[in-house]
Amino acid sequence: MSTTLVFQAILSGITNGFVYALIGVGMAIIFKGTRIVNAMQGEFAVIGALVAVFALKALGLPYALAIAGGIAAGAVSGLAIDVLFVRPMLRRGAGEESFLLLTIGLAFALSAAALYFGGRDSHLLPALGGEGVVELFGATTPVHALALTGIAVLLVGALRLFYTRTLAGLAMTAASLDPDGATTTGINVRRMRTYTFLLGGGFGAIAGVLVTPLLSMNYQMGIGLTLKGFAAAILGGLGNPLGAVAGGLLLGLAESLAVVGFPSGYRDVIALSILIVIMILLPNGVLGRAGRKGG
């Protein structure tokens, strides 16, 4: 087995892992703040990517504005889900199962909408750094992949600071841990839940616009991204957004390294089998019980 091949797989795994991590972080943010398992998190990525493509190619907006528009579209989608669906269901006393069914239904509906408006074609965004590649120990990786990794690290660090150093982040954490107690201290729990959906939708859209220069986006990709993000979130502790980063990297590396020794068609089977074993041995996630309390 070539050392260069292994290192190439590691670089690819890290890139994919951070994409899965961003999806998982968004899912964990929403679960942390609302206790809702969002089965349509990958659709935020599809929305963000397709809106950015449309803004860039059809409207002719500058690249930065197109990307900002895609991220805003994901965040607004999260807001709309809270206002149009979650709030009315909460008023009627809906349970966790109802919200899970809601997000599954919305995933199919948004996939159909993406098919209607975006067609069956796959779309790409320009890569940061153009077609440039970087060679590391004989392996090569696109400049955009390094940019994606750097941006993801910065976003995760910013999220950590947001939850621990800002009034809004502390209020969101308090509202998620003890809604009744937070209300007595003057925190608007409903508003904090809305911020949670905004943030979760934005993270999903960021993952979409970052991966689209590397992997063409189409209406069918949402479910696959949701499953990978969910696996990342579960591995890190579903209520811990920062734990999803560890889970995403573990999943990405397991996928890529599986290809080194086995045919690529077995990649998902081997990676997910490894994850099953990990969850049997570590049922509270790779970070243990502390990881489930959130970051």
C-alpha atoms as a PDB file:
ATOM      1  CA  MET A   1       0.000   0.000   0.000  1.00  0.00           C
ATOM      2  CA  SER A   2       1.496   3.326  -1.093  1.00  0.00           C
ATOM      3  CA  THR A   3       2.164   5.931   1.586  1.00  0.00           C
ATOM      4  CA  THR A   4       1.225   8.628  -0.910  1.00  0.00           C
ATOM      5  CA  LEU A   5      -2.122   6.942  -1.526  1.00  0.00           C
ATOM      6  CA  VAL A   6      -2.823   6.782   2.189  1.00  0.00           C
ATOM      7  CA  PHE A   7      -1.941  10.446   2.642  1.00  0.00           C
ATOM      8  CA  GLN A   8      -4.105  11.336  -0.349  1.00  0.00           C
ATOM      9  CA  ALA A   9      -6.994   9.512   1.317  1.00  0.00           C
ATOM     10  CA  ILE A  10      -6.360  11.368   4.569  1.00  0.00           C
ATOM     11  CA  LEU A  11      -6.472  14.754   2.824  1.00  0.00           C
ATOM     12  CA  SER A  12      -9.690  13.802   1.064  1.00  0.00           C
ATOM     13  CA  GLY A  13     -11.146  12.482   4.307  1.00  0.00           C
ATOM     14  CA  ILE A  14     -10.395  15.694   6.172  1.00  0.00           C
ATOM     15  CA  THR A  15     -12.085  17.773   3.463  1.00  0.00           C
ATOM     16  CA  ASN A  16     -15.168  15.558   3.369  1.00  0.00           C
ATOM     17  CA  GLY A  17     -15.154  15.361   7.140  1.00  0.00           C
ATOM     18  CA  PHE A  18     -15.439  19.115   7.545  1.00  0.00           C
ATOM     19  CA  VAL A  19     -18.352  19.197   5.094  1.00  0.00           C
ATOM     20  CA  TYR A  20     -20.128  16.504   7.121  1.00  0.00           C
ATOM     21  CA  ALA A  21     -19.160  18.380  10.275  1.00  0.00           C
ATOM     22  CA  LEU A  22     -20.808  21.610   9.107  1.00  0.00           C
ATOM     23  CA  ILE A  23     -24.000  19.731   8.292  1.00  0.00           C
ATOM     24  CA  GLY A  24     -23.814  17.946  11.639  1.00  0.00           C
ATOM     25  CA  VAL A  25     -23.107  21.189  13.492  1.00  0.00           C
ATOM     26  CA  GLY A  26     -26.235  22.740  12.012  1.00  0.00           C
ATOM     27  CA  MET A  27     -28.272  19.684  12.990  1.00  0.00           C
ATOM     28  CA  ALA A  28     -26.820  19.703  16.510  1.00  0.00           C
ATOM     29  CA  ILE A  29     -27.504  23.445  16.880  1.00  0.00           C
ATOM     30  CA  ILE A  30     -31.181  22.891  16.114  1.00  0.00           C
ATOM     31  CA  PHE A  31     -31.412  19.841  18.370  1.00  0.00           C
ATOM     32  CA  LYS A  32     -29.581  21.644  21.185  1.00  0.00           C
ATOM     33  CA  GLY A  33     -31.997  24.566  21.045  1.00  0.00           C
ATOM     34  CA  THR A  34     -35.284  22.805  20.279  1.00  0.00           C
ATOM     35  CA  ARG A  35     -34.888  19.023  20.864  1.00  0.00           C
ATOM     36  CA  ILE A  36     -35.999  18.544  17.255  1.00  0.00           C
ATOM     37  CA  VAL A  37     -34.116  16.077  15.056  1.00  0.00           C
ATOM     38  CA  ASN A  38     -33.981  17.998  11.783  1.00  0.00           C
ATOM     39  CA  ALA A  39     -34.204  15.421   8.990  1.00  0.00           C
ATOM     40  CA  MET A  40     -33.992  18.136   6.322  1.00  0.00           C
ATOM     41  CA  GLN A  41     -30.646  19.671   7.310  1.00  0.00           C
ATOM     42  CA  GLY A  42     -29.072  18.622   4.010  1.00  0.00           C
ATOM     43  CA  GLU A  43     -31.769  20.540   2.135  1.00  0.00           C
ATOM     44  CA  PHE A  44     -30.393  23.764   3.610  1.00  0.00           C
ATOM     45  CA  ALA A  45     -27.125  22.935   1.830  1.00  0.00           C
ATOM     46  CA  VAL A  46     -28.979  22.361  -1.449  1.00  0.00           C
ATOM     47  CA  ILE A  47     -30.900  25.629  -1.063  1.00  0.00           C
ATOM     48  CA  GLY A  48     -27.760  27.616  -0.279  1.00  0.00           C
ATOM     49  CA  ALA A  49     -25.808  26.153  -3.181  1.00  0.00           C
ATOM     50  CA  LEU A  50     -28.562  26.505  -5.801  1.00  0.00           C
ATOM     51  CA  VAL A  51     -29.413  30.062  -4.759  1.00  0.00           C
ATOM     52  CA  ALA A  52     -25.730  30.996  -4.994  1.00  0.00           C
ATOM     53  CA  VAL A  53     -25.493  29.395  -8.447  1.00  0.00           C
ATOM     54  CA  PHE A  54     -28.605  31.254  -9.622  1.00  0.00           C
ATOM     55  CA  ALA A  55     -27.398  34.573  -8.213  1.00  0.00           C
ATOM     56  CA  LEU A  56     -24.012  34.156  -9.874  1.00  0.00           C
ATOM     57  CA  LYS A  57     -25.028  32.803 -13.287  1.00  0.00           C
ATOM     58  CA  ALA A  58     -28.538  34.117 -13.875  1.00  0.00           C
ATOM     59  CA  LEU A  59     -28.395  37.454 -12.055  1.00  0.00           C
ATOM     60  CA  GLY A  60     -24.713  38.111 -12.689  1.00  0.00           C
ATOM     61  CA  LEU A  61     -23.978  39.140  -9.100  1.00  0.00           C
ATOM     62  CA  PRO A  62     -20.389  39.251  -7.859  1.00  0.00           C
ATOM     63  CA  TYR A  63     -19.179  35.959  -6.399  1.00  0.00           C
ATOM     64  CA  ALA A  64     -19.092  37.246  -2.819  1.00  0.00           C
ATOM     65  CA  LEU A  65     -22.658  38.553  -3.035  1.00  0.00           C
ATOM     66  CA  ALA A  66     -23.864  35.305  -4.608  1.00  0.00           C
ATOM     67  CA  ILE A  67     -22.333  33.308  -1.754  1.00  0.00           C
ATOM     68  CA  ALA A  68     -23.822  35.680   0.822  1.00  0.00           C
ATOM     69  CA  GLY A  69     -27.203  35.311  -0.865  1.00  0.00           C
ATOM     70  CA  GLY A  70     -26.993  31.523  -0.697  1.00  0.00           C
ATOM     71  CA  ILE A  71     -26.120  31.564   2.999  1.00  0.00           C
ATOM     72  CA  ALA A  72     -28.924  34.061   3.682  1.00  0.00           C
ATOM     73  CA  ALA A  73     -31.363  31.821   1.801  1.00  0.00           C
ATOM     74  CA  GLY A  74     -30.483  28.894   4.070  1.00  0.00           C
ATOM     75  CA  ALA A  75     -30.900  31.013   7.195  1.00  0.00           C
ATOM     76  CA  VAL A  76     -34.233  32.431   6.006  1.00  0.00           C
ATOM     77  CA  SER A  77     -35.414  28.904   5.210  1.00  0.00           C
ATOM     78  CA  GLY A  78     -34.687  27.939   8.811  1.00  0.00           C
ATOM     79  CA  LEU A  79     -36.621  30.988  10.003  1.00  0.00           C
ATOM     80  CA  ALA A  80     -39.584  30.114   7.773  1.00  0.00           C
ATOM     81  CA  ILE A  81     -39.727  26.557   9.117  1.00  0.00           C
ATOM     82  CA  ASP A  82     -39.896  27.829  12.674  1.00  0.00           C
ATOM     83  CA  VAL A  83     -42.520  30.483  11.977  1.00  0.00           C
ATOM     84  CA  LEU A  84     -44.739  28.551   9.562  1.00  0.00           C
ATOM     85  CA  PHE A  85     -44.566  25.041  10.993  1.00  0.00           C
ATOM     86  CA  VAL A  86     -42.839  24.651  14.362  1.00  0.00           C
ATOM     87  CA  ARG A  87     -44.648  27.429  16.229  1.00  0.00           C
ATOM     88  CA  PRO A  88     -48.174  26.306  15.219  1.00  0.00           C
ATOM     89  CA  MET A  89     -47.337  22.702  16.091  1.00  0.00           C
ATOM     90  CA  LEU A  90     -45.954  23.720  19.487  1.00  0.00           C
ATOM     91  CA  ARG A  91     -49.154  25.600  20.251  1.00  0.00           C
ATOM     92  CA  ARG A  92     -51.054  22.375  19.593  1.00  0.00           C
ATOM     93  CA  GLY A  93     -48.783  20.351  21.864  1.00  0.00           C
ATOM     94  CA  ALA A  94     -47.009  18.326  19.159  1.00  0.00           C
ATOM     95  CA  GLY A  95     -44.494  15.729  20.346  1.00  0.00           C
ATOM     96  CA  GLU A  96     -40.974  14.921  19.160  1.00  0.00           C
ATOM     97  CA  GLU A  97     -42.236  12.274  16.732  1.00  0.00           C
ATOM     98  CA  SER A  98     -44.476  14.828  15.034  1.00  0.00           C
ATOM     99  CA  PHE A  99     -41.572  17.186  14.468  1.00  0.00           C
ATOM    100  CA  LEU A 100     -39.450  14.384  13.047  1.00  0.00           C
ATOM    101  CA  LEU A 101     -42.221  13.543  10.587  1.00  0.00           C
ATOM    102  CA  LEU A 102     -42.541  17.249   9.775  1.00  0.00           C
ATOM    103  CA  THR A 103     -38.873  17.586   8.836  1.00  0.00           C
ATOM    104  CA  ILE A 104     -38.943  14.366   6.808  1.00  0.00           C
ATOM    105  CA  GLY A 105     -41.929  15.672   4.858  1.00  0.00           C
ATOM    106  CA  LEU A 106     -40.280  19.054   4.357  1.00  0.00           C
ATOM    107  CA  ALA A 107     -37.131  17.332   3.082  1.00  0.00           C
ATOM    108  CA  PHE A 108     -39.113  15.669   0.290  1.00  0.00           C
ATOM    109  CA  ALA A 109     -41.036  18.864  -0.435  1.00  0.00           C
ATOM    110  CA  LEU A 110     -37.883  20.980  -0.702  1.00  0.00           C
ATOM    111  CA  SER A 111     -36.192  18.359  -2.859  1.00  0.00           C
ATOM    112  CA  ALA A 112     -39.168  18.521  -5.225  1.00  0.00           C
ATOM    113  CA  ALA A 113     -39.004  22.321  -5.208  1.00  0.00           C
ATOM    114  CA  ALA A 114     -35.291  22.194  -6.042  1.00  0.00           C
ATOM    115  CA  LEU A 115     -36.101  19.859  -8.939  1.00  0.00           C
ATOM    116  CA  TYR A 116     -38.839  22.196 -10.189  1.00  0.00           C
ATOM    117  CA  PHE A 117     -36.788  25.389 -10.024  1.00  0.00           C
ATOM    118  CA  GLY A 118     -33.286  24.041 -10.630  1.00  0.00           C
ATOM    119  CA  GLY A 119     -33.996  21.126 -12.939  1.00  0.00           C
ATOM    120  CA  ARG A 120     -32.196  17.802 -13.019  1.00  0.00           C
ATOM    121  CA  ASP A 121     -28.829  19.310 -13.952  1.00  0.00           C
ATOM    122  CA  SER A 122     -25.947  19.384 -11.504  1.00  0.00           C
ATOM    123  CA  HIS A 123     -24.319  22.717 -10.771  1.00  0.00           C
ATOM    124  CA  LEU A 124     -20.845  23.884  -9.801  1.00  0.00           C
ATOM    125  CA  LEU A 125     -19.565  27.096  -8.247  1.00  0.00           C
ATOM    126  CA  PRO A 126     -16.130  28.571  -8.972  1.00  0.00           C
ATOM    127  CA  ALA A 127     -13.456  27.288  -6.619  1.00  0.00           C
ATOM    128  CA  LEU A 128     -11.596  29.587  -4.265  1.00  0.00           C
ATOM    129  CA  GLY A 129      -8.103  29.693  -5.681  1.00  0.00           C
ATOM    130  CA  GLY A 130      -9.286  28.671  -9.131  1.00  0.00           C
ATOM    131  CA  GLU A 131      -7.902  25.388 -10.436  1.00  0.00           C
ATOM    132  CA  GLY A 132      -4.811  25.579  -8.249  1.00  0.00           C
ATOM    133  CA  VAL A 133      -3.602  22.561  -6.302  1.00  0.00           C
ATOM    134  CA  VAL A 134      -1.136  22.120  -3.462  1.00  0.00           C
ATOM    135  CA  GLU A 135       1.244  19.176  -3.116  1.00  0.00           C
ATOM    136  CA  LEU A 136       1.798  17.768   0.358  1.00  0.00           C
ATOM    137  CA  PHE A 137       4.117  14.760   0.849  1.00  0.00           C
ATOM    138  CA  GLY A 138       3.482  13.618  -2.698  1.00  0.00           C
ATOM    139  CA  ALA A 139      -0.304  13.938  -2.457  1.00  0.00           C
ATOM    140  CA  THR A 140      -2.246  16.782  -4.046  1.00  0.00           C
ATOM    141  CA  THR A 141      -5.300  18.687  -2.884  1.00  0.00           C
ATOM    142  CA  PRO A 142      -7.178  21.610  -4.447  1.00  0.00           C
ATOM    143  CA  VAL A 143      -6.580  25.048  -2.981  1.00  0.00           C
ATOM    144  CA  HIS A 144     -10.338  25.237  -2.427  1.00  0.00           C
ATOM    145  CA  ALA A 145     -10.207  22.144  -0.190  1.00  0.00           C
ATOM    146  CA  LEU A 146      -7.651  23.876   2.042  1.00  0.00           C
ATOM    147  CA  ALA A 147      -9.788  27.015   2.045  1.00  0.00           C
ATOM    148  CA  LEU A 148     -12.835  24.941   2.995  1.00  0.00           C
ATOM    149  CA  THR A 149     -10.942  23.405   5.907  1.00  0.00           C
ATOM    150  CA  GLY A 150      -9.697  26.780   7.112  1.00  0.00           C
ATOM    151  CA  ILE A 151     -13.130  28.388   6.864  1.00  0.00           C
ATOM    152  CA  ALA A 152     -14.738  25.486   8.715  1.00  0.00           C
ATOM    153  CA  VAL A 153     -12.198  25.741  11.542  1.00  0.00           C
ATOM    154  CA  LEU A 154     -12.810  29.494  11.844  1.00  0.00           C
ATOM    155  CA  LEU A 155     -16.584  29.004  11.868  1.00  0.00           C
ATOM    156  CA  VAL A 156     -16.399  26.353  14.569  1.00  0.00           C
ATOM    157  CA  GLY A 157     -14.165  28.601  16.656  1.00  0.00           C
ATOM    158  CA  ALA A 158     -16.560  31.516  16.157  1.00  0.00           C
ATOM    159  CA  LEU A 159     -19.484  29.299  17.179  1.00  0.00           C
ATOM    160  CA  ARG A 160     -17.667  28.341  20.367  1.00  0.00           C
ATOM    161  CA  LEU A 161     -17.117  32.009  21.205  1.00  0.00           C
ATOM    162  CA  PHE A 162     -20.728  32.812  20.318  1.00  0.00           C
ATOM    163  CA  TYR A 163     -22.122  30.256  22.770  1.00  0.00           C
ATOM    164  CA  THR A 164     -19.720  31.120  25.586  1.00  0.00           C
ATOM    165  CA  ARG A 165     -19.014  34.855  25.238  1.00  0.00           C
ATOM    166  CA  THR A 166     -22.097  36.587  23.778  1.00  0.00           C
ATOM    167  CA  LEU A 167     -25.384  37.424  25.477  1.00  0.00           C
ATOM    168  CA  ALA A 168     -27.387  35.873  22.629  1.00  0.00           C
ATOM    169  CA  GLY A 169     -25.394  32.652  22.747  1.00  0.00           C
ATOM    170  CA  LEU A 170     -25.663  32.366  26.531  1.00  0.00           C
ATOM    171  CA  ALA A 171     -29.396  33.084  26.328  1.00  0.00           C
ATOM    172  CA  MET A 172     -29.846  30.390  23.668  1.00  0.00           C
ATOM    173  CA  THR A 173     -28.015  27.894  25.862  1.00  0.00           C
ATOM    174  CA  ALA A 174     -30.087  28.824  28.909  1.00  0.00           C
ATOM    175  CA  ALA A 175     -33.323  28.571  26.933  1.00  0.00           C
ATOM    176  CA  SER A 176     -32.367  25.104  25.684  1.00  0.00           C
ATOM    177  CA  LEU A 177     -31.384  23.776  29.123  1.00  0.00           C
ATOM    178  CA  ASP A 178     -34.298  25.166  31.156  1.00  0.00           C
ATOM    179  CA  PRO A 179     -37.006  26.983  29.138  1.00  0.00           C
ATOM    180  CA  ASP A 180     -39.169  27.732  32.183  1.00  0.00           C
ATOM    181  CA  GLY A 181     -36.264  29.022  34.209  1.00  0.00           C
ATOM    182  CA  ALA A 182     -35.020  31.108  31.292  1.00  0.00           C
ATOM    183  CA  THR A 183     -38.465  32.668  30.919  1.00  0.00           C
ATOM    184  CA  THR A 184     -38.477  33.751  34.562  1.00  0.00           C
ATOM    185  CA  THR A 185     -35.207  35.605  34.008  1.00  0.00           C
ATOM    186  CA  GLY A 186     -36.648  37.557  31.088  1.00  0.00           C
ATOM    187  CA  ILE A 187     -35.293  35.482  28.191  1.00  0.00           C
ATOM    188  CA  ASN A 188     -37.658  35.222  25.227  1.00  0.00           C
ATOM    189  CA  VAL A 189     -37.519  31.471  24.660  1.00  0.00           C
ATOM    190  CA  ARG A 190     -39.489  31.616  21.406  1.00  0.00           C
ATOM    191  CA  ARG A 191     -37.056  34.168  19.992  1.00  0.00           C
ATOM    192  CA  MET A 192     -34.101  32.029  21.038  1.00  0.00           C
ATOM    193  CA  ARG A 193     -35.636  29.076  19.203  1.00  0.00           C
ATOM    194  CA  THR A 194     -35.985  31.251  16.108  1.00  0.00           C
ATOM    195  CA  TYR A 195     -32.301  32.218  16.370  1.00  0.00           C
ATOM    196  CA  THR A 196     -31.528  28.508  16.620  1.00  0.00           C
ATOM    197  CA  PHE A 197     -33.254  27.768  13.316  1.00  0.00           C
ATOM    198  CA  LEU A 198     -31.585  30.779  11.673  1.00  0.00           C
ATOM    199  CA  LEU A 199     -28.166  29.601  12.805  1.00  0.00           C
ATOM    200  CA  GLY A 200     -28.804  25.975  11.873  1.00  0.00           C
ATOM    201  CA  GLY A 201     -30.062  26.929   8.418  1.00  0.00           C
ATOM    202  CA  GLY A 202     -27.096  29.206   7.872  1.00  0.00           C
ATOM    203  CA  PHE A 203     -24.588  26.487   8.760  1.00  0.00           C
ATOM    204  CA  GLY A 204     -26.282  24.086   6.381  1.00  0.00           C
ATOM    205  CA  ALA A 205     -26.130  26.627   3.564  1.00  0.00           C
ATOM    206  CA  ILE A 206     -22.464  27.356   4.260  1.00  0.00           C
ATOM    207  CA  ALA A 207     -21.706  23.653   3.877  1.00  0.00           C
ATOM    208  CA  GLY A 208     -23.545  23.694   0.556  1.00  0.00           C
ATOM    209  CA  VAL A 209     -21.710  26.657  -0.956  1.00  0.00           C
ATOM    210  CA  LEU A 210     -18.349  25.348   0.251  1.00  0.00           C
ATOM    211  CA  VAL A 211     -18.748  21.848  -1.182  1.00  0.00           C
ATOM    212  CA  THR A 212     -20.287  22.848  -4.535  1.00  0.00           C
ATOM    213  CA  PRO A 213     -16.966  23.886  -6.133  1.00  0.00           C
ATOM    214  CA  LEU A 214     -15.685  20.365  -5.377  1.00  0.00           C
ATOM    215  CA  LEU A 215     -18.828  18.301  -5.907  1.00  0.00           C
ATOM    216  CA  SER A 216     -21.606  19.308  -8.287  1.00  0.00           C
ATOM    217  CA  MET A 217     -24.878  19.990  -6.493  1.00  0.00           C
ATOM    218  CA  ASN A 218     -28.315  18.806  -7.561  1.00  0.00           C
ATOM    219  CA  TYR A 219     -31.760  18.337  -6.063  1.00  0.00           C
ATOM    220  CA  GLN A 220     -31.052  14.760  -4.945  1.00  0.00           C
ATOM    221  CA  MET A 221     -28.084  15.477  -2.693  1.00  0.00           C
ATOM    222  CA  GLY A 222     -29.959  16.695   0.359  1.00  0.00           C
ATOM    223  CA  ILE A 223     -30.813  13.286   1.811  1.00  0.00           C
ATOM    224  CA  GLY A 224     -27.241  12.011   1.473  1.00  0.00           C
ATOM    225  CA  LEU A 225     -25.827  15.084   3.199  1.00  0.00           C
ATOM    226  CA  THR A 226     -28.457  14.797   5.931  1.00  0.00           C
ATOM    227  CA  LEU A 227     -27.501  11.195   6.651  1.00  0.00           C
ATOM    228  CA  LYS A 228     -23.784  11.973   6.791  1.00  0.00           C
ATOM    229  CA  GLY A 229     -24.390  15.026   8.945  1.00  0.00           C
ATOM    230  CA  PHE A 230     -26.662  13.042  11.246  1.00  0.00           C
ATOM    231  CA  ALA A 231     -23.982  10.386  11.640  1.00  0.00           C
ATOM    232  CA  ALA A 232     -21.447  13.103  12.483  1.00  0.00           C
ATOM    233  CA  ALA A 233     -23.797  14.684  15.022  1.00  0.00           C
ATOM    234  CA  ILE A 234     -24.601  11.338  16.666  1.00  0.00           C
ATOM    235  CA  LEU A 235     -20.918  10.435  16.925  1.00  0.00           C
ATOM    236  CA  GLY A 236     -20.145  13.749  18.609  1.00  0.00           C
ATOM    237  CA  GLY A 237     -23.202  13.757  20.866  1.00  0.00           C
ATOM    238  CA  LEU A 238     -26.358  15.043  19.214  1.00  0.00           C
ATOM    239  CA  GLY A 239     -26.778  17.972  21.585  1.00  0.00           C
ATOM    240  CA  ASN A 240     -23.191  19.170  21.127  1.00  0.00           C
ATOM    241  CA  PRO A 241     -22.545  21.258  17.993  1.00  0.00           C
ATOM    242  CA  LEU A 242     -18.788  21.204  18.516  1.00  0.00           C
ATOM    243  CA  GLY A 243     -18.780  17.431  19.004  1.00  0.00           C
ATOM    244  CA  ALA A 244     -20.181  17.102  15.475  1.00  0.00           C
ATOM    245  CA  VAL A 245     -16.786  18.272  14.200  1.00  0.00           C
ATOM    246  CA  ALA A 246     -15.071  15.256  15.744  1.00  0.00           C
ATOM    247  CA  GLY A 247     -17.822  13.021  14.383  1.00  0.00           C
ATOM    248  CA  GLY A 248     -17.575  14.502  10.900  1.00  0.00           C
ATOM    249  CA  LEU A 249     -13.823  14.073  10.720  1.00  0.00           C
ATOM    250  CA  LEU A 250     -14.080  10.493  11.959  1.00  0.00           C
ATOM    251  CA  LEU A 251     -16.706   9.718   9.324  1.00  0.00           C
ATOM    252  CA  GLY A 252     -14.791  11.421   6.518  1.00  0.00           C
ATOM    253  CA  LEU A 253     -11.547   9.637   7.345  1.00  0.00           C
ATOM    254  CA  ALA A 254     -13.286   6.265   7.694  1.00  0.00           C
ATOM    255  CA  GLU A 255     -14.830   6.711   4.249  1.00  0.00           C
ATOM    256  CA  SER A 256     -11.625   7.740   2.525  1.00  0.00           C
ATOM    257  CA  LEU A 257      -9.370   5.175   4.155  1.00  0.00           C
ATOM    258  CA  ALA A 258     -11.877   2.429   3.352  1.00  0.00           C
ATOM    259  CA  VAL A 259     -11.334   3.140  -0.353  1.00  0.00           C
ATOM    260  CA  VAL A 260      -7.602   2.508   0.019  1.00  0.00           C
ATOM    261  CA  GLY A 261      -8.077  -1.176   0.796  1.00  0.00           C
ATOM    262  CA  PHE A 262     -11.454  -1.926  -0.782  1.00  0.00           C
ATOM    263  CA  PRO A 263     -13.363  -1.074  -3.984  1.00  0.00           C
ATOM    264  CA  SER A 264     -14.956   2.373  -3.884  1.00  0.00           C
ATOM    265  CA  GLY A 265     -18.441   0.843  -4.049  1.00  0.00           C
ATOM    266  CA  TYR A 266     -17.954  -0.501  -0.539  1.00  0.00           C
ATOM    267  CA  ARG A 267     -16.945   2.884   0.874  1.00  0.00           C
ATOM    268  CA  ASP A 268     -20.209   3.747   2.621  1.00  0.00           C
ATOM    269  CA  VAL A 269     -20.790   0.178   3.818  1.00  0.00           C
ATOM    270  CA  ILE A 270     -17.371  -0.070   5.449  1.00  0.00           C
ATOM    271  CA  ALA A 271     -17.436   3.437   6.912  1.00  0.00           C
ATOM    272  CA  LEU A 272     -20.903   3.046   8.413  1.00  0.00           C
ATOM    273  CA  SER A 273     -20.045  -0.438   9.704  1.00  0.00           C
ATOM    274  CA  ILE A 274     -17.100   1.080  11.535  1.00  0.00           C
ATOM    275  CA  LEU A 275     -19.402   3.715  12.972  1.00  0.00           C
ATOM    276  CA  ILE A 276     -21.839   1.062  14.181  1.00  0.00           C
ATOM    277  CA  VAL A 277     -19.011  -0.642  16.047  1.00  0.00           C
ATOM    278  CA  ILE A 278     -17.931   2.684  17.554  1.00  0.00           C
ATOM    279  CA  MET A 279     -21.465   3.434  18.734  1.00  0.00           C
ATOM    280  CA  ILE A 280     -21.734  -0.033  20.307  1.00  0.00           C
ATOM    281  CA  LEU A 281     -18.501   0.574  22.201  1.00  0.00           C
ATOM    282  CA  LEU A 282     -19.154   4.291  22.851  1.00  0.00           C
ATOM    283  CA  PRO A 283     -22.953   4.746  22.962  1.00  0.00           C
ATOM    284  CA  ASN A 284     -22.634   8.339  24.225  1.00  0.00           C
ATOM    285  CA  GLY A 285     -20.465   9.375  21.288  1.00  0.00           C
ATOM    286  CA  VAL A 286     -16.739   9.799  20.883  1.00  0.00           C
ATOM    287  CA  LEU A 287     -16.660  12.568  23.477  1.00  0.00           C
ATOM    288  CA  GLY A 288     -18.557  10.575  26.098  1.00  0.00           C
ATOM    289  CA  ARG A 289     -21.336  11.881  28.318  1.00  0.00           C
ATOM    290  CA  ALA A 290     -19.764  15.304  28.578  1.00  0.00           C
ATOM    291  CA  GLY A 291     -20.056  15.659  24.841  1.00  0.00           C
ATOM    292  CA  ARG A 292     -23.829  15.368  24.986  1.00  0.00           C
ATOM    293  CA  LYS A 293     -24.126  18.446  27.182  1.00  0.00           C
ATOM    294  CA  GLY A 294     -23.139  20.705  24.348  1.00  0.00           C
ATOM    295  CA  GLY A 295     -20.439  23.182  23.465  1.00  0.00           C
END
